[in-house]
Amino acid sequence: MDLTITPSAEKFIQRMVRFGGAGPDAGFRLLVSPGGCSGLASEFSVEAAPLPGDAVVTVQGLKLFLPAESRLLLQGVTMDFKDTPLQSGLVFIDPKATGCGSCGTSAAGAVPAEAAVSIASIPIKSA
């Protein structure tokens, strides 16, 4: 699979899995679907095992649980993690997509589109 994960995203995913409480065989489940300004919308969680229909994909030593549609949409994408005063979470940079330009933060054709997933969307599991 042609998915690039930046060092900051790798560190974030490693920490999520390590402290996610899902056990030693846990993986990072990433559900990506069409939508959003950049063309991608996503959700993620730490799971003890892949869900039915998920493939276990190892990228740069990280165990990812990816549904079929996610694997297709992530082909050729770079996954990054940003933590700034305005944004904190995973960012997907897709060189095949362009922003819509309607939000004022992207311009169609100017740069590859980015989709962000806020860390505020992480579900908290009770012990």
N, C-alpha and C. Protein backbone atom coordinates (compact mmCIF):
# COMPACT_ATOMS: atom_id res chain seq x y z
N MET A 1 0.85 -1.18 0.00
CA MET A 1 0.00 0.00 0.00
C MET A 1 0.88 1.23 0.00
N ASP A 2 0.54 2.20 -0.82
CA ASP A 2 1.30 3.43 -0.93
C ASP A 2 0.70 4.49 -0.01
N LEU A 3 1.06 4.41 1.27
CA LEU A 3 0.62 5.37 2.29
C LEU A 3 1.86 5.82 3.04
N THR A 4 2.08 7.12 3.09
CA THR A 4 3.23 7.67 3.81
C THR A 4 2.73 8.23 5.14
N ILE A 5 3.45 7.91 6.20
CA ILE A 5 3.12 8.41 7.53
C ILE A 5 4.31 9.22 8.03
N THR A 6 4.08 10.49 8.34
CA THR A 6 5.17 11.35 8.80
C THR A 6 5.58 10.93 10.22
N PRO A 7 6.79 11.32 10.64
CA PRO A 7 7.23 10.98 12.00
C PRO A 7 6.27 11.48 13.09
N SER A 8 5.67 12.65 12.92
CA SER A 8 4.76 13.14 13.95
C SER A 8 3.48 12.31 13.99
N ALA A 9 2.97 11.88 12.85
CA ALA A 9 1.79 11.01 12.84
C ALA A 9 2.13 9.64 13.40
N GLU A 10 3.31 9.15 13.07
CA GLU A 10 3.75 7.85 13.60
C GLU A 10 3.80 7.87 15.12
N LYS A 11 4.36 8.93 15.67
CA LYS A 11 4.45 9.08 17.13
C LYS A 11 3.05 9.14 17.76
N PHE A 12 2.15 9.88 17.13
CA PHE A 12 0.77 9.98 17.63
C PHE A 12 0.09 8.62 17.63
N ILE A 13 0.20 7.89 16.53
CA ILE A 13 -0.45 6.58 16.43
C ILE A 13 0.15 5.60 17.44
N GLN A 14 1.46 5.59 17.58
CA GLN A 14 2.11 4.72 18.56
C GLN A 14 1.61 4.99 19.98
N ARG A 15 1.49 6.25 20.33
CA ARG A 15 0.99 6.61 21.67
C ARG A 15 -0.47 6.21 21.86
N MET A 16 -1.28 6.43 20.82
CA MET A 16 -2.69 6.04 20.91
C MET A 16 -2.83 4.54 21.16
N VAL A 17 -2.08 3.75 20.42
CA VAL A 17 -2.17 2.29 20.55
C VAL A 17 -1.61 1.86 21.91
N ARG A 18 -0.46 2.42 22.30
CA ARG A 18 0.17 2.03 23.55
C ARG A 18 -0.71 2.33 24.76
N PHE A 19 -1.37 3.49 24.76
CA PHE A 19 -2.15 3.90 25.91
C PHE A 19 -3.66 3.74 25.70
N GLY A 20 -4.05 3.09 24.62
CA GLY A 20 -5.47 2.90 24.31
C GLY A 20 -6.18 1.85 25.12
N GLY A 21 -5.44 1.02 25.85
CA GLY A 21 -6.05 0.03 26.72
C GLY A 21 -6.68 -1.14 25.99
N ALA A 22 -6.27 -1.40 24.75
CA ALA A 22 -6.90 -2.48 23.98
C ALA A 22 -6.04 -3.75 23.95
N GLY A 23 -4.92 -3.77 24.65
CA GLY A 23 -4.11 -4.97 24.73
C GLY A 23 -2.91 -4.97 23.81
N PRO A 24 -2.09 -6.02 23.93
CA PRO A 24 -0.82 -6.07 23.20
C PRO A 24 -0.96 -6.24 21.68
N ASP A 25 -2.07 -6.77 21.22
CA ASP A 25 -2.26 -6.99 19.78
C ASP A 25 -3.10 -5.88 19.14
N ALA A 26 -3.27 -4.79 19.85
CA ALA A 26 -4.13 -3.69 19.38
C ALA A 26 -3.57 -3.06 18.10
N GLY A 27 -4.49 -2.42 17.38
CA GLY A 27 -4.12 -1.70 16.18
C GLY A 27 -4.90 -0.41 16.09
N PHE A 28 -4.52 0.42 15.15
CA PHE A 28 -5.13 1.73 14.94
C PHE A 28 -6.12 1.57 13.79
N ARG A 29 -7.42 1.67 14.08
CA ARG A 29 -8.45 1.52 13.05
C ARG A 29 -8.75 2.89 12.47
N LEU A 30 -8.66 2.98 11.16
CA LEU A 30 -8.86 4.24 10.47
C LEU A 30 -9.92 4.05 9.40
N LEU A 31 -11.04 4.74 9.56
CA LEU A 31 -12.15 4.68 8.62
C LEU A 31 -12.17 5.99 7.84
N VAL A 32 -11.91 5.91 6.55
CA VAL A 32 -11.87 7.08 5.68
C VAL A 32 -13.00 6.96 4.68
N SER A 33 -13.71 8.07 4.46
CA SER A 33 -14.81 8.08 3.50
C SER A 33 -14.77 9.37 2.70
N PRO A 34 -15.41 9.37 1.53
CA PRO A 34 -15.45 10.61 0.74
C PRO A 34 -16.23 11.69 1.49
N GLY A 35 -15.77 12.92 1.38
CA GLY A 35 -16.47 14.04 2.02
C GLY A 35 -15.50 15.07 2.53
N GLY A 36 -16.03 16.16 2.99
CA GLY A 36 -15.20 17.23 3.52
C GLY A 36 -14.61 18.08 2.41
N CYS A 37 -14.01 19.18 2.79
CA CYS A 37 -13.47 20.15 1.85
C CYS A 37 -12.36 19.54 0.99
N SER A 38 -11.56 18.66 1.56
CA SER A 38 -10.45 18.08 0.81
C SER A 38 -10.85 16.83 0.06
N GLY A 39 -12.05 16.36 0.29
CA GLY A 39 -12.48 15.13 -0.35
C GLY A 39 -12.42 13.92 0.56
N LEU A 40 -11.91 14.09 1.79
CA LEU A 40 -11.82 12.98 2.73
C LEU A 40 -12.40 13.37 4.09
N ALA A 41 -13.13 12.44 4.67
CA ALA A 41 -13.58 12.56 6.06
C ALA A 41 -13.15 11.28 6.75
N SER A 42 -12.83 11.34 8.02
CA SER A 42 -12.34 10.13 8.68
C SER A 42 -12.63 10.10 10.16
N GLU A 43 -12.57 8.87 10.68
CA GLU A 43 -12.70 8.60 12.12
C GLU A 43 -11.63 7.58 12.46
N PHE A 44 -11.17 7.59 13.72
CA PHE A 44 -10.20 6.57 14.11
C PHE A 44 -10.47 6.11 15.52
N SER A 45 -9.97 4.91 15.84
CA SER A 45 -10.08 4.35 17.17
C SER A 45 -8.97 3.32 17.35
N VAL A 46 -8.73 2.93 18.59
CA VAL A 46 -7.80 1.85 18.89
C VAL A 46 -8.65 0.63 19.19
N GLU A 47 -8.37 -0.46 18.50
CA GLU A 47 -9.15 -1.69 18.64
C GLU A 47 -8.24 -2.85 19.02
N ALA A 48 -8.78 -3.80 19.78
CA ALA A 48 -8.04 -4.99 20.18
C ALA A 48 -7.78 -5.91 19.00
N ALA A 49 -8.69 -5.91 18.04
CA ALA A 49 -8.58 -6.76 16.85
C ALA A 49 -9.32 -6.08 15.71
N PRO A 50 -9.00 -6.46 14.47
CA PRO A 50 -9.71 -5.85 13.35
C PRO A 50 -11.19 -6.22 13.38
N LEU A 51 -12.02 -5.32 12.90
CA LEU A 51 -13.45 -5.58 12.80
C LEU A 51 -13.71 -6.37 11.52
N PRO A 52 -14.86 -7.05 11.41
CA PRO A 52 -15.16 -7.78 10.18
C PRO A 52 -15.04 -6.87 8.96
N GLY A 53 -14.32 -7.34 7.95
CA GLY A 53 -14.11 -6.57 6.74
C GLY A 53 -12.84 -5.74 6.74
N ASP A 54 -12.20 -5.59 7.90
CA ASP A 54 -10.95 -4.83 7.99
C ASP A 54 -9.78 -5.69 7.53
N ALA A 55 -8.81 -5.06 6.89
CA ALA A 55 -7.55 -5.71 6.57
C ALA A 55 -6.51 -5.16 7.54
N VAL A 56 -5.59 -6.01 7.94
CA VAL A 56 -4.48 -5.55 8.77
C VAL A 56 -3.36 -5.14 7.82
N VAL A 57 -3.03 -3.86 7.85
CA VAL A 57 -2.00 -3.31 6.97
C VAL A 57 -0.90 -2.74 7.87
N THR A 58 0.32 -3.17 7.62
CA THR A 58 1.45 -2.65 8.37
C THR A 58 2.17 -1.62 7.51
N VAL A 59 2.24 -0.40 8.03
CA VAL A 59 2.91 0.69 7.34
C VAL A 59 3.93 1.27 8.31
N GLN A 60 5.20 1.24 7.91
CA GLN A 60 6.27 1.78 8.74
C GLN A 60 6.25 1.19 10.15
N GLY A 61 5.90 -0.08 10.27
CA GLY A 61 5.88 -0.77 11.55
C GLY A 61 4.62 -0.55 12.37
N LEU A 62 3.68 0.23 11.86
CA LEU A 62 2.42 0.50 12.56
C LEU A 62 1.34 -0.46 12.05
N LYS A 63 0.59 -1.05 12.98
CA LYS A 63 -0.50 -1.94 12.61
C LYS A 63 -1.78 -1.13 12.46
N LEU A 64 -2.26 -1.06 11.21
CA LEU A 64 -3.48 -0.33 10.90
C LEU A 64 -4.57 -1.31 10.55
N PHE A 65 -5.78 -1.08 11.04
CA PHE A 65 -6.96 -1.84 10.67
C PHE A 65 -7.75 -0.96 9.70
N LEU A 66 -7.81 -1.38 8.43
CA LEU A 66 -8.41 -0.54 7.40
C LEU A 66 -9.52 -1.27 6.64
N PRO A 67 -10.73 -0.70 6.64
CA PRO A 67 -11.78 -1.24 5.77
C PRO A 67 -11.38 -1.05 4.31
N ALA A 68 -12.03 -1.77 3.40
CA ALA A 68 -11.69 -1.74 1.97
C ALA A 68 -11.72 -0.32 1.40
N GLU A 69 -12.79 0.43 1.68
CA GLU A 69 -12.90 1.78 1.12
C GLU A 69 -11.77 2.67 1.62
N SER A 70 -11.38 2.51 2.87
CA SER A 70 -10.28 3.31 3.42
C SER A 70 -8.99 3.02 2.68
N ARG A 71 -8.73 1.74 2.39
CA ARG A 71 -7.51 1.37 1.68
C ARG A 71 -7.46 2.05 0.31
N LEU A 72 -8.58 2.09 -0.37
CA LEU A 72 -8.63 2.72 -1.69
C LEU A 72 -8.40 4.22 -1.59
N LEU A 73 -9.05 4.87 -0.64
CA LEU A 73 -8.96 6.32 -0.51
C LEU A 73 -7.59 6.79 0.00
N LEU A 74 -6.90 5.94 0.76
CA LEU A 74 -5.61 6.33 1.32
C LEU A 74 -4.45 6.07 0.37
N GLN A 75 -4.72 5.44 -0.76
CA GLN A 75 -3.66 5.14 -1.73
C GLN A 75 -3.00 6.44 -2.20
N GLY A 76 -1.68 6.56 -1.98
CA GLY A 76 -0.93 7.74 -2.40
C GLY A 76 -1.01 8.94 -1.47
N VAL A 77 -1.64 8.77 -0.32
CA VAL A 77 -1.85 9.87 0.64
C VAL A 77 -0.71 9.92 1.65
N THR A 78 -0.43 11.11 2.16
CA THR A 78 0.50 11.30 3.27
C THR A 78 -0.31 11.65 4.50
N MET A 79 -0.08 10.90 5.59
CA MET A 79 -0.77 11.16 6.86
C MET A 79 0.20 11.89 7.78
N ASP A 80 -0.25 13.03 8.30
CA ASP A 80 0.58 13.85 9.18
C ASP A 80 -0.20 14.11 10.47
N PHE A 81 0.46 14.62 11.48
CA PHE A 81 -0.19 15.05 12.72
C PHE A 81 0.26 16.47 12.98
N LYS A 82 -0.71 17.34 13.21
CA LYS A 82 -0.40 18.74 13.50
C LYS A 82 -0.97 19.10 14.87
N ASP A 83 -0.20 19.87 15.61
CA ASP A 83 -0.65 20.36 16.90
C ASP A 83 -0.28 21.84 16.97
N THR A 84 -1.23 22.67 16.57
CA THR A 84 -1.03 24.12 16.54
C THR A 84 -2.17 24.76 17.34
N PRO A 85 -2.09 26.05 17.61
CA PRO A 85 -3.19 26.70 18.32
C PRO A 85 -4.53 26.61 17.56
N LEU A 86 -4.48 26.46 16.25
CA LEU A 86 -5.71 26.40 15.47
C LEU A 86 -6.15 25.00 15.10
N GLN A 87 -5.26 24.02 15.21
CA GLN A 87 -5.58 22.67 14.74
C GLN A 87 -4.77 21.65 15.51
N SER A 88 -5.42 20.57 15.93
CA SER A 88 -4.72 19.47 16.57
C SER A 88 -5.35 18.17 16.12
N GLY A 89 -4.60 17.37 15.40
CA GLY A 89 -5.12 16.10 14.93
C GLY A 89 -4.42 15.61 13.69
N LEU A 90 -4.92 14.49 13.17
CA LEU A 90 -4.37 13.92 11.95
C LEU A 90 -4.77 14.75 10.75
N VAL A 91 -3.86 14.86 9.81
CA VAL A 91 -4.10 15.58 8.58
C VAL A 91 -3.71 14.66 7.43
N PHE A 92 -4.59 14.57 6.44
CA PHE A 92 -4.34 13.73 5.27
C PHE A 92 -4.06 14.62 4.07
N ILE A 93 -2.92 14.45 3.46
CA ILE A 93 -2.52 15.24 2.32
C ILE A 93 -2.62 14.35 1.09
N ASP A 94 -3.57 14.69 0.23
CA ASP A 94 -3.84 13.88 -0.94
C ASP A 94 -3.45 14.65 -2.19
N PRO A 95 -2.37 14.26 -2.86
CA PRO A 95 -1.93 15.00 -4.05
C PRO A 95 -2.90 14.88 -5.22
N LYS A 96 -3.84 13.94 -5.14
CA LYS A 96 -4.81 13.76 -6.23
C LYS A 96 -6.01 14.69 -6.08
N ALA A 97 -6.20 15.27 -4.90
CA ALA A 97 -7.38 16.10 -4.63
C ALA A 97 -6.98 17.57 -4.55
N THR A 98 -7.97 18.43 -4.74
CA THR A 98 -7.77 19.87 -4.55
C THR A 98 -8.87 20.37 -3.64
N GLY A 99 -8.58 21.40 -2.87
CA GLY A 99 -9.58 21.99 -1.99
C GLY A 99 -10.68 22.67 -2.79
N CYS A 100 -11.83 22.87 -2.16
CA CYS A 100 -12.96 23.46 -2.87
C CYS A 100 -12.87 24.98 -2.94
N GLY A 101 -12.09 25.60 -2.03
CA GLY A 101 -11.93 27.04 -2.05
C GLY A 101 -13.01 27.81 -1.32
N SER A 102 -14.08 27.14 -0.87
CA SER A 102 -15.20 27.87 -0.28
C SER A 102 -14.96 28.26 1.18
N CYS A 103 -13.99 27.64 1.84
CA CYS A 103 -13.78 27.96 3.25
C CYS A 103 -12.78 29.09 3.44
N GLY A 104 -12.11 29.49 2.38
CA GLY A 104 -11.14 30.57 2.48
C GLY A 104 -9.78 30.12 2.92
N THR A 105 -9.61 28.81 3.23
CA THR A 105 -8.30 28.32 3.65
C THR A 105 -7.66 27.45 2.60
N SER A 106 -8.35 27.17 1.52
CA SER A 106 -7.76 26.39 0.45
C SER A 106 -8.13 27.02 -0.88
N ALA A 107 -7.30 26.78 -1.85
CA ALA A 107 -7.58 27.30 -3.19
C ALA A 107 -7.47 26.16 -4.17
N ALA A 108 -8.49 25.95 -4.94
CA ALA A 108 -8.51 24.84 -5.88
C ALA A 108 -7.28 24.88 -6.77
N GLY A 109 -6.57 23.77 -6.80
CA GLY A 109 -5.41 23.64 -7.65
C GLY A 109 -4.13 24.21 -7.07
N ALA A 110 -4.19 24.94 -5.97
CA ALA A 110 -2.99 25.58 -5.44
C ALA A 110 -2.06 24.58 -4.76
N VAL A 111 -2.59 23.77 -3.89
CA VAL A 111 -1.79 22.80 -3.15
C VAL A 111 -2.63 21.53 -3.00
N PRO A 112 -1.98 20.39 -2.71
CA PRO A 112 -2.77 19.20 -2.44
C PRO A 112 -3.70 19.45 -1.26
N ALA A 113 -4.87 18.86 -1.32
CA ALA A 113 -5.87 19.09 -0.28
C ALA A 113 -5.50 18.39 1.01
N GLU A 114 -5.91 18.96 2.12
CA GLU A 114 -5.70 18.38 3.44
C GLU A 114 -7.04 18.15 4.10
N ALA A 115 -7.16 17.03 4.79
CA ALA A 115 -8.33 16.76 5.62
C ALA A 115 -7.83 16.58 7.03
N ALA A 116 -8.47 17.19 7.99
CA ALA A 116 -8.03 17.09 9.37
C ALA A 116 -9.05 16.33 10.21
N VAL A 117 -8.55 15.58 11.17
CA VAL A 117 -9.39 14.88 12.13
C VAL A 117 -8.97 15.36 13.50
N SER A 118 -9.85 16.01 14.20
CA SER A 118 -9.54 16.58 15.50
C SER A 118 -9.38 15.49 16.55
N ILE A 119 -8.41 15.65 17.45
CA ILE A 119 -8.25 14.68 18.52
C ILE A 119 -9.42 14.76 19.51
N ALA A 120 -10.20 15.81 19.44
CA ALA A 120 -11.38 15.92 20.30
C ALA A 120 -12.42 14.87 19.94
N SER A 121 -12.31 14.26 18.76
CA SER A 121 -13.27 13.24 18.34
C SER A 121 -12.91 11.84 18.86
N ILE A 122 -11.84 11.73 19.62
CA ILE A 122 -11.43 10.42 20.14
C ILE A 122 -12.40 9.97 21.22
N PRO A 123 -12.98 8.78 21.07
CA PRO A 123 -13.87 8.28 22.12
C PRO A 123 -13.07 7.86 23.35
N ILE A 124 -13.58 8.16 24.51
CA ILE A 124 -12.93 7.80 25.77
C ILE A 124 -13.57 6.52 26.28
N LYS A 125 -12.73 5.49 26.54
CA LYS A 125 -13.24 4.23 27.06
C LYS A 125 -13.09 4.22 28.57
N SER A 126 -14.12 3.80 29.25
CA SER A 126 -14.07 3.72 30.71
C SER A 126 -13.34 2.45 31.12
N ALA A 127 -12.61 2.54 32.20
CA ALA A 127 -11.85 1.37 32.69
C ALA A 127 -12.76 0.43 33.44
